[in-house]
Amino acid sequence: TGVVLSRASVWRLLTGRLGWTLQRPERRAVER
């Protein structure tokens, strides 16, 4: 788009407008 967004603006775009949520990978033991 040619538009420079701050980190806060990117966060608002992803969470507010697109409805994304913060997700972290599930940790599993290697020996499982």
PDB file of all heavy atoms in Angstrom:
ATOM      1  N   THR A   1       0.795  -1.228   0.000  1.00  0.00           N
ATOM      2  CA  THR A   1       0.000   0.000   0.000  1.00  0.00           C
ATOM      3  C   THR A   1       0.827   1.277   0.000  1.00  0.00           C
ATOM      4  O   THR A   1       0.297   2.345  -0.307  1.00  0.00           O
ATOM      5  CB  THR A   1      -0.919   0.047   1.232  1.00  0.00           C
ATOM      6  OG1 THR A   1      -0.107   0.137   2.416  1.00  0.00           O
ATOM      7  CG2 THR A   1      -1.813  -1.165   1.308  1.00  0.00           C
ATOM      8  N   GLY A   2       2.091   1.172   0.400  1.00  0.00           N
ATOM      9  CA  GLY A   2       2.920   2.361   0.516  1.00  0.00           C
ATOM     10  C   GLY A   2       2.731   3.092   1.835  1.00  0.00           C
ATOM     11  O   GLY A   2       3.325   4.140   2.064  1.00  0.00           O
ATOM     12  N   VAL A   3       1.906   2.543   2.721  1.00  0.00           N
ATOM     13  CA  VAL A   3       1.615   3.155   4.018  1.00  0.00           C
ATOM     14  C   VAL A   3       2.513   2.520   5.072  1.00  0.00           C
ATOM     15  O   VAL A   3       2.585   1.297   5.180  1.00  0.00           O
ATOM     16  CB  VAL A   3       0.136   2.957   4.408  1.00  0.00           C
ATOM     17  CG1 VAL A   3      -0.151   3.510   5.789  1.00  0.00           C
ATOM     18  CG2 VAL A   3      -0.765   3.580   3.367  1.00  0.00           C
ATOM     19  N   VAL A   4       3.195   3.349   5.863  1.00  0.00           N
ATOM     20  CA  VAL A   4       4.044   2.864   6.944  1.00  0.00           C
ATOM     21  C   VAL A   4       3.224   2.880   8.232  1.00  0.00           C
ATOM     22  O   VAL A   4       2.696   3.919   8.629  1.00  0.00           O
ATOM     23  CB  VAL A   4       5.300   3.748   7.105  1.00  0.00           C
ATOM     24  CG1 VAL A   4       6.149   3.252   8.263  1.00  0.00           C
ATOM     25  CG2 VAL A   4       6.096   3.765   5.815  1.00  0.00           C
ATOM     26  N   LEU A   5       3.104   1.711   8.863  1.00  0.00           N
ATOM     27  CA  LEU A   5       2.344   1.593  10.096  1.00  0.00           C
ATOM     28  C   LEU A   5       3.272   1.365  11.277  1.00  0.00           C
ATOM     29  O   LEU A   5       4.280   0.664  11.157  1.00  0.00           O
ATOM     30  CB  LEU A   5       1.364   0.414  10.019  1.00  0.00           C
ATOM     31  CG  LEU A   5       0.268   0.467   8.971  1.00  0.00           C
ATOM     32  CD1 LEU A   5      -0.547  -0.827   8.999  1.00  0.00           C
ATOM     33  CD2 LEU A   5      -0.639   1.659   9.198  1.00  0.00           C
ATOM     34  N   SER A   6       2.912   1.923  12.421  1.00  0.00           N
ATOM     35  CA  SER A   6       3.657   1.659  13.653  1.00  0.00           C
ATOM     36  C   SER A   6       3.305   0.259  14.137  1.00  0.00           C
ATOM     37  O   SER A   6       2.331  -0.359  13.688  1.00  0.00           O
ATOM     38  CB  SER A   6       3.279   2.682  14.727  1.00  0.00           C
ATOM     39  OG  SER A   6       1.938   2.488  15.131  1.00  0.00           O
ATOM     40  N   ARG A   7       4.084  -0.244  15.090  1.00  0.00           N
ATOM     41  CA  ARG A   7       3.792  -1.565  15.665  1.00  0.00           C
ATOM     42  C   ARG A   7       2.399  -1.591  16.282  1.00  0.00           C
ATOM     43  O   ARG A   7       1.670  -2.567  16.148  1.00  0.00           O
ATOM     44  CB  ARG A   7       4.828  -1.928  16.719  1.00  0.00           C
ATOM     45  CG  ARG A   7       6.181  -2.297  16.152  1.00  0.00           C
ATOM     46  CD  ARG A   7       7.190  -2.572  17.267  1.00  0.00           C
ATOM     47  NE  ARG A   7       6.750  -3.588  18.182  1.00  0.00           N
ATOM     48  CZ  ARG A   7       7.190  -4.850  18.195  1.00  0.00           C
ATOM     49  NH1 ARG A   7       8.092  -5.213  17.328  1.00  0.00           N
ATOM     50  NH2 ARG A   7       6.731  -5.713  19.056  1.00  0.00           N
ATOM     51  N   ALA A   8       2.034  -0.504  16.962  1.00  0.00           N
ATOM     52  CA  ALA A   8       0.712  -0.432  17.590  1.00  0.00           C
ATOM     53  C   ALA A   8      -0.387  -0.480  16.534  1.00  0.00           C
ATOM     54  O   ALA A   8      -1.415  -1.138  16.723  1.00  0.00           O
ATOM     55  CB  ALA A   8       0.600   0.832  18.428  1.00  0.00           C
ATOM     56  N   SER A   9      -0.180   0.182  15.428  1.00  0.00           N
ATOM     57  CA  SER A   9      -1.190   0.178  14.363  1.00  0.00           C
ATOM     58  C   SER A   9      -1.316  -1.201  13.725  1.00  0.00           C
ATOM     59  O   SER A   9      -2.419  -1.642  13.396  1.00  0.00           O
ATOM     60  CB  SER A   9      -0.840   1.210  13.295  1.00  0.00           C
ATOM     61  OG  SER A   9      -0.916   2.504  13.827  1.00  0.00           O
ATOM     62  N   VAL A  10      -0.200  -1.872  13.545  1.00  0.00           N
ATOM     63  CA  VAL A  10      -0.241  -3.235  13.001  1.00  0.00           C
ATOM     64  C   VAL A  10      -0.992  -4.140  13.969  1.00  0.00           C
ATOM     65  O   VAL A  10      -1.830  -4.946  13.563  1.00  0.00           O
ATOM     66  CB  VAL A  10       1.182  -3.777  12.734  1.00  0.00           C
ATOM     67  CG1 VAL A  10       1.149  -5.255  12.380  1.00  0.00           C
ATOM     68  CG2 VAL A  10       1.851  -2.985  11.628  1.00  0.00           C
ATOM     69  N   TRP A  11      -0.722  -4.002  15.263  1.00  0.00           N
ATOM     70  CA  TRP A  11      -1.404  -4.809  16.275  1.00  0.00           C
ATOM     71  C   TRP A  11      -2.910  -4.556  16.240  1.00  0.00           C
ATOM     72  O   TRP A  11      -3.711  -5.485  16.264  1.00  0.00           O
ATOM     73  CB  TRP A  11      -0.837  -4.493  17.656  1.00  0.00           C
ATOM     74  CG  TRP A  11      -1.504  -5.270  18.747  1.00  0.00           C
ATOM     75  CD1 TRP A  11      -2.373  -4.800  19.674  1.00  0.00           C
ATOM     76  CD2 TRP A  11      -1.364  -6.666  19.011  1.00  0.00           C
ATOM     77  NE1 TRP A  11      -2.787  -5.806  20.500  1.00  0.00           N
ATOM     78  CE2 TRP A  11      -2.181  -6.969  20.116  1.00  0.00           C
ATOM     79  CE3 TRP A  11      -0.631  -7.688  18.418  1.00  0.00           C
ATOM     80  CZ2 TRP A  11      -2.282  -8.251  20.633  1.00  0.00           C
ATOM     81  CZ3 TRP A  11      -0.736  -8.958  18.945  1.00  0.00           C
ATOM     82  CH2 TRP A  11      -1.551  -9.229  20.038  1.00  0.00           C
ATOM     83  N   ARG A  12      -3.319  -3.300  16.165  1.00  0.00           N
ATOM     84  CA  ARG A  12      -4.746  -2.971  16.098  1.00  0.00           C
ATOM     85  C   ARG A  12      -5.381  -3.526  14.822  1.00  0.00           C
ATOM     86  O   ARG A  12      -6.514  -4.010  14.842  1.00  0.00           O
ATOM     87  CB  ARG A  12      -4.959  -1.461  16.177  1.00  0.00           C
ATOM     88  CG  ARG A  12      -4.895  -0.916  17.584  1.00  0.00           C
ATOM     89  CD  ARG A  12      -5.403   0.502  17.669  1.00  0.00           C
ATOM     90  NE  ARG A  12      -4.676   1.430  16.818  1.00  0.00           N
ATOM     91  CZ  ARG A  12      -3.575   2.077  17.182  1.00  0.00           C
ATOM     92  NH1 ARG A  12      -3.080   1.906  18.393  1.00  0.00           N
ATOM     93  NH2 ARG A  12      -2.977   2.895  16.354  1.00  0.00           N
ATOM     94  N   LEU A  13      -4.645  -3.477  13.720  1.00  0.00           N
ATOM     95  CA  LEU A  13      -5.143  -4.018  12.464  1.00  0.00           C
ATOM     96  C   LEU A  13      -5.388  -5.522  12.577  1.00  0.00           C
ATOM     97  O   LEU A  13      -6.445  -6.031  12.200  1.00  0.00           O
ATOM     98  CB  LEU A  13      -4.153  -3.729  11.332  1.00  0.00           C
ATOM     99  CG  LEU A  13      -4.451  -4.358   9.978  1.00  0.00           C
ATOM    100  CD1 LEU A  13      -5.670  -3.712   9.350  1.00  0.00           C
ATOM    101  CD2 LEU A  13      -3.248  -4.233   9.067  1.00  0.00           C
ATOM    102  N   LEU A  14      -4.406  -6.238  13.119  1.00  0.00           N
ATOM    103  CA  LEU A  14      -4.514  -7.693  13.210  1.00  0.00           C
ATOM    104  C   LEU A  14      -5.576  -8.133  14.216  1.00  0.00           C
ATOM    105  O   LEU A  14      -6.358  -9.041  13.935  1.00  0.00           O
ATOM    106  CB  LEU A  14      -3.166  -8.303  13.586  1.00  0.00           C
ATOM    107  CG  LEU A  14      -2.052  -8.185  12.551  1.00  0.00           C
ATOM    108  CD1 LEU A  14      -0.760  -8.744  13.113  1.00  0.00           C
ATOM    109  CD2 LEU A  14      -2.418  -8.881  11.266  1.00  0.00           C
ATOM    110  N   THR A  15      -5.607  -7.502  15.383  1.00  0.00           N
ATOM    111  CA  THR A  15      -6.526  -7.955  16.428  1.00  0.00           C
ATOM    112  C   THR A  15      -7.906  -7.332  16.302  1.00  0.00           C
ATOM    113  O   THR A  15      -8.912  -8.026  16.453  1.00  0.00           O
ATOM    114  CB  THR A  15      -5.962  -7.645  17.827  1.00  0.00           C
ATOM    115  OG1 THR A  15      -5.738  -6.238  17.946  1.00  0.00           O
ATOM    116  CG2 THR A  15      -4.689  -8.416  18.079  1.00  0.00           C
ATOM    117  N   GLY A  16      -7.965  -6.054  16.034  1.00  0.00           N
ATOM    118  CA  GLY A  16      -9.253  -5.370  15.985  1.00  0.00           C
ATOM    119  C   GLY A  16     -10.015  -5.594  14.698  1.00  0.00           C
ATOM    120  O   GLY A  16     -11.161  -6.046  14.699  1.00  0.00           O
ATOM    121  N   ARG A  17      -9.378  -5.299  13.584  1.00  0.00           N
ATOM    122  CA  ARG A  17     -10.081  -5.368  12.294  1.00  0.00           C
ATOM    123  C   ARG A  17     -10.162  -6.783  11.747  1.00  0.00           C
ATOM    124  O   ARG A  17     -11.133  -7.166  11.120  1.00  0.00           O
ATOM    125  CB  ARG A  17      -9.386  -4.471  11.270  1.00  0.00           C
ATOM    126  CG  ARG A  17      -9.228  -3.056  11.738  1.00  0.00           C
ATOM    127  CD  ARG A  17      -9.963  -1.966  11.028  1.00  0.00           C
ATOM    128  NE  ARG A  17     -10.576  -2.192   9.779  1.00  0.00           N
ATOM    129  CZ  ARG A  17     -10.347  -1.496   8.688  1.00  0.00           C
ATOM    130  NH1 ARG A  17      -9.445  -0.544   8.692  1.00  0.00           N
ATOM    131  NH2 ARG A  17     -11.026  -1.728   7.602  1.00  0.00           N
ATOM    132  N   LEU A  18      -9.101  -7.575  11.938  1.00  0.00           N
ATOM    133  CA  LEU A  18      -9.077  -8.922  11.369  1.00  0.00           C
ATOM    134  C   LEU A  18      -9.476 -10.013  12.358  1.00  0.00           C
ATOM    135  O   LEU A  18      -9.674 -11.162  11.976  1.00  0.00           O
ATOM    136  CB  LEU A  18      -7.686  -9.220  10.792  1.00  0.00           C
ATOM    137  CG  LEU A  18      -7.250  -8.294   9.656  1.00  0.00           C
ATOM    138  CD1 LEU A  18      -5.829  -8.628   9.215  1.00  0.00           C
ATOM    139  CD2 LEU A  18      -8.204  -8.388   8.478  1.00  0.00           C
ATOM    140  N   GLY A  19      -9.539  -9.654  13.647  1.00  0.00           N
ATOM    141  CA  GLY A  19      -9.979 -10.610  14.657  1.00  0.00           C
ATOM    142  C   GLY A  19      -8.974 -11.679  15.023  1.00  0.00           C
ATOM    143  O   GLY A  19      -9.329 -12.711  15.592  1.00  0.00           O
ATOM    144  N   TRP A  20      -7.690 -11.460  14.708  1.00  0.00           N
ATOM    145  CA  TRP A  20      -6.667 -12.440  15.049  1.00  0.00           C
ATOM    146  C   TRP A  20      -6.413 -12.405  16.548  1.00  0.00           C
ATOM    147  O   TRP A  20      -6.627 -11.406  17.219  1.00  0.00           O
ATOM    148  CB  TRP A  20      -5.371 -12.151  14.305  1.00  0.00           C
ATOM    149  CG  TRP A  20      -5.438 -12.462  12.847  1.00  0.00           C
ATOM    150  CD1 TRP A  20      -6.554 -12.626  12.091  1.00  0.00           C
ATOM    151  CD2 TRP A  20      -4.333 -12.631  11.966  1.00  0.00           C
ATOM    152  NE1 TRP A  20      -6.219 -12.888  10.793  1.00  0.00           N
ATOM    153  CE2 TRP A  20      -4.860 -12.895  10.681  1.00  0.00           C
ATOM    154  CE3 TRP A  20      -2.973 -12.576  12.129  1.00  0.00           C
ATOM    155  CZ2 TRP A  20      -4.048 -13.110   9.583  1.00  0.00           C
ATOM    156  CZ3 TRP A  20      -2.168 -12.799  11.027  1.00  0.00           C
ATOM    157  CH2 TRP A  20      -2.705 -13.067   9.775  1.00  0.00           C
ATOM    158  N   THR A  21      -5.920 -13.524  17.092  1.00  0.00           N
ATOM    159  CA  THR A  21      -5.569 -13.602  18.500  1.00  0.00           C
ATOM    160  C   THR A  21      -4.124 -14.046  18.636  1.00  0.00           C
ATOM    161  O   THR A  21      -3.571 -14.679  17.740  1.00  0.00           O
ATOM    162  CB  THR A  21      -6.467 -14.606  19.248  1.00  0.00           C
ATOM    163  OG1 THR A  21      -6.318 -15.891  18.642  1.00  0.00           O
ATOM    164  CG2 THR A  21      -7.933 -14.183  19.220  1.00  0.00           C
ATOM    165  N   LEU A  22      -3.543 -13.711  19.775  1.00  0.00           N
ATOM    166  CA  LEU A  22      -2.176 -14.118  20.068  1.00  0.00           C
ATOM    167  C   LEU A  22      -2.176 -15.603  20.378  1.00  0.00           C
ATOM    168  O   LEU A  22      -2.901 -16.054  21.259  1.00  0.00           O
ATOM    169  CB  LEU A  22      -1.630 -13.325  21.253  1.00  0.00           C
ATOM    170  CG  LEU A  22      -0.223 -13.663  21.712  1.00  0.00           C
ATOM    171  CD1 LEU A  22       0.772 -13.355  20.610  1.00  0.00           C
ATOM    172  CD2 LEU A  22       0.124 -12.890  22.959  1.00  0.00           C
ATOM    173  N   GLN A  23      -1.400 -16.371  19.636  1.00  0.00           N
ATOM    174  CA  GLN A  23      -1.318 -17.802  19.871  1.00  0.00           C
ATOM    175  C   GLN A  23       0.142 -18.208  19.963  1.00  0.00           C
ATOM    176  O   GLN A  23       0.973 -17.729  19.203  1.00  0.00           O
ATOM    177  CB  GLN A  23      -1.990 -18.577  18.744  1.00  0.00           C
ATOM    178  CG  GLN A  23      -3.455 -18.269  18.636  1.00  0.00           C
ATOM    179  CD  GLN A  23      -4.100 -19.041  17.497  1.00  0.00           C
ATOM    180  OE1 GLN A  23      -3.465 -19.851  16.847  1.00  0.00           O
ATOM    181  NE2 GLN A  23      -5.364 -18.777  17.280  1.00  0.00           N
ATOM    182  N   ARG A  24       0.400 -19.082  20.892  1.00  0.00           N
ATOM    183  CA  ARG A  24       1.759 -19.587  21.064  1.00  0.00           C
ATOM    184  C   ARG A  24       1.748 -21.085  20.791  1.00  0.00           C
ATOM    185  O   ARG A  24       0.774 -21.773  21.108  1.00  0.00           O
ATOM    186  CB  ARG A  24       2.240 -19.310  22.479  1.00  0.00           C
ATOM    187  CG  ARG A  24       2.392 -17.835  22.737  1.00  0.00           C
ATOM    188  CD  ARG A  24       3.159 -17.583  24.018  1.00  0.00           C
ATOM    189  NE  ARG A  24       3.400 -16.168  24.152  1.00  0.00           N
ATOM    190  CZ  ARG A  24       2.744 -15.374  24.986  1.00  0.00           C
ATOM    191  NH1 ARG A  24       1.813 -15.876  25.764  1.00  0.00           N
ATOM    192  NH2 ARG A  24       3.022 -14.097  25.048  1.00  0.00           N
ATOM    193  N   PRO A  25       2.831 -21.612  20.231  1.00  0.00           N
ATOM    194  CA  PRO A  25       2.872 -23.056  19.970  1.00  0.00           C
ATOM    195  C   PRO A  25       2.808 -23.850  21.275  1.00  0.00           C
ATOM    196  O   PRO A  25       3.345 -23.429  22.291  1.00  0.00           O
ATOM    197  CB  PRO A  25       4.210 -23.284  19.264  1.00  0.00           C
ATOM    198  CG  PRO A  25       4.942 -22.007  19.321  1.00  0.00           C
ATOM    199  CD  PRO A  25       4.034 -20.929  19.780  1.00  0.00           C
ATOM    200  N   GLU A  26       2.129 -24.976  21.218  1.00  0.00           N
ATOM    201  CA  GLU A  26       2.027 -25.846  22.371  1.00  0.00           C
ATOM    202  C   GLU A  26       3.343 -26.572  22.573  1.00  0.00           C
ATOM    203  O   GLU A  26       3.923 -27.099  21.621  1.00  0.00           O
ATOM    204  CB  GLU A  26       0.906 -26.861  22.124  1.00  0.00           C
ATOM    205  CG  GLU A  26       0.554 -27.691  23.312  1.00  0.00           C
ATOM    206  CD  GLU A  26      -0.629 -28.585  23.015  1.00  0.00           C
ATOM    207  OE1 GLU A  26      -1.631 -28.090  22.491  1.00  0.00           O
ATOM    208  OE2 GLU A  26      -0.509 -29.788  23.283  1.00  0.00           O
ATOM    209  N   ARG A  27       3.822 -26.579  23.797  1.00  0.00           N
ATOM    210  CA  ARG A  27       5.092 -27.254  24.084  1.00  0.00           C
ATOM    211  C   ARG A  27       4.824 -28.721  24.386  1.00  0.00           C
ATOM    212  O   ARG A  27       3.919 -29.053  25.120  1.00  0.00           O
ATOM    213  CB  ARG A  27       5.777 -26.598  25.273  1.00  0.00           C
ATOM    214  CG  ARG A  27       6.238 -25.194  24.957  1.00  0.00           C
ATOM    215  CD  ARG A  27       6.909 -24.560  26.134  1.00  0.00           C
ATOM    216  NE  ARG A  27       8.007 -25.406  26.572  1.00  0.00           N
ATOM    217  CZ  ARG A  27       8.820 -25.106  27.558  1.00  0.00           C
ATOM    218  NH1 ARG A  27       8.665 -23.985  28.204  1.00  0.00           N
ATOM    219  NH2 ARG A  27       9.783 -25.914  27.915  1.00  0.00           N
ATOM    220  N   ARG A  28       5.617 -29.577  23.784  1.00  0.00           N
ATOM    221  CA  ARG A  28       5.504 -31.012  24.028  1.00  0.00           C
ATOM    222  C   ARG A  28       6.886 -31.583  24.270  1.00  0.00           C
ATOM    223  O   ARG A  28       7.863 -31.147  23.672  1.00  0.00           O
ATOM    224  CB  ARG A  28       4.871 -31.728  22.843  1.00  0.00           C
ATOM    225  CG  ARG A  28       3.422 -31.378  22.679  1.00  0.00           C
ATOM    226  CD  ARG A  28       2.775 -32.282  21.699  1.00  0.00           C
ATOM    227  NE  ARG A  28       1.361 -31.945  21.648  1.00  0.00           N
ATOM    228  CZ  ARG A  28       0.460 -32.701  21.116  1.00  0.00           C
ATOM    229  NH1 ARG A  28       0.806 -33.827  20.558  1.00  0.00           N
ATOM    230  NH2 ARG A  28      -0.790 -32.346  21.119  1.00  0.00           N
ATOM    231  N   ALA A  29       6.934 -32.579  25.120  1.00  0.00           N
ATOM    232  CA  ALA A  29       8.204 -33.227  25.429  1.00  0.00           C
ATOM    233  C   ALA A  29       8.697 -33.994  24.207  1.00  0.00           C
ATOM    234  O   ALA A  29       7.918 -34.624  23.488  1.00  0.00           O
ATOM    235  CB  ALA A  29       8.031 -34.181  26.601  1.00  0.00           C
ATOM    236  N   VAL A  30       9.981 -33.964  23.977  1.00  0.00           N
ATOM    237  CA  VAL A  30      10.583 -34.695  22.866  1.00  0.00           C
ATOM    238  C   VAL A  30      10.404 -36.194  23.074  1.00  0.00           C
ATOM    239  O   VAL A  30      10.225 -36.954  22.121  1.00  0.00           O
ATOM    240  CB  VAL A  30      12.080 -34.336  22.748  1.00  0.00           C
ATOM    241  CG1 VAL A  30      12.766 -35.170  21.686  1.00  0.00           C
ATOM    242  CG2 VAL A  30      12.254 -32.863  22.470  1.00  0.00           C
ATOM    243  N   GLU A  31      10.407 -36.614  24.319  1.00  0.00           N
ATOM    244  CA  GLU A  31      10.311 -38.033  24.649  1.00  0.00           C
ATOM    245  C   GLU A  31       8.882 -38.556  24.582  1.00  0.00           C
ATOM    246  O   GLU A  31       8.633 -39.723  24.864  1.00  0.00           O
ATOM    247  CB  GLU A  31      10.855 -38.277  26.063  1.00  0.00           C
ATOM    248  CG  GLU A  31      12.289 -37.842  26.267  1.00  0.00           C
ATOM    249  CD  GLU A  31      12.412 -36.367  26.613  1.00  0.00           C
ATOM    250  OE1 GLU A  31      11.379 -35.720  26.900  1.00  0.00           O
ATOM    251  OE2 GLU A  31      13.526 -35.864  26.583  1.00  0.00           O
ATOM    252  N   ARG A  32       7.924 -37.748  24.216  1.00  0.00           N
ATOM    253  CA  ARG A  32       6.505 -38.116  24.215  1.00  0.00           C
ATOM    254  C   ARG A  32       6.263 -39.338  23.327  1.00  0.00           C
ATOM    255  O   ARG A  32       6.666 -39.390  22.185  1.00  0.00           O
ATOM    256  CB  ARG A  32       5.691 -36.932  23.722  1.00  0.00           C
ATOM    257  CG  ARG A  32       4.218 -37.114  23.794  1.00  0.00           C
ATOM    258  CD  ARG A  32       3.522 -35.853  23.342  1.00  0.00           C
ATOM    259  NE  ARG A  32       2.111 -36.034  23.237  1.00  0.00           N
ATOM    260  CZ  ARG A  32       1.231 -35.605  24.118  1.00  0.00           C
ATOM    261  NH1 ARG A  32       1.647 -34.945  25.170  1.00  0.00           N
ATOM    262  NH2 ARG A  32      -0.047 -35.812  23.957  1.00  0.00           N
TER     263      ARG A  32
END
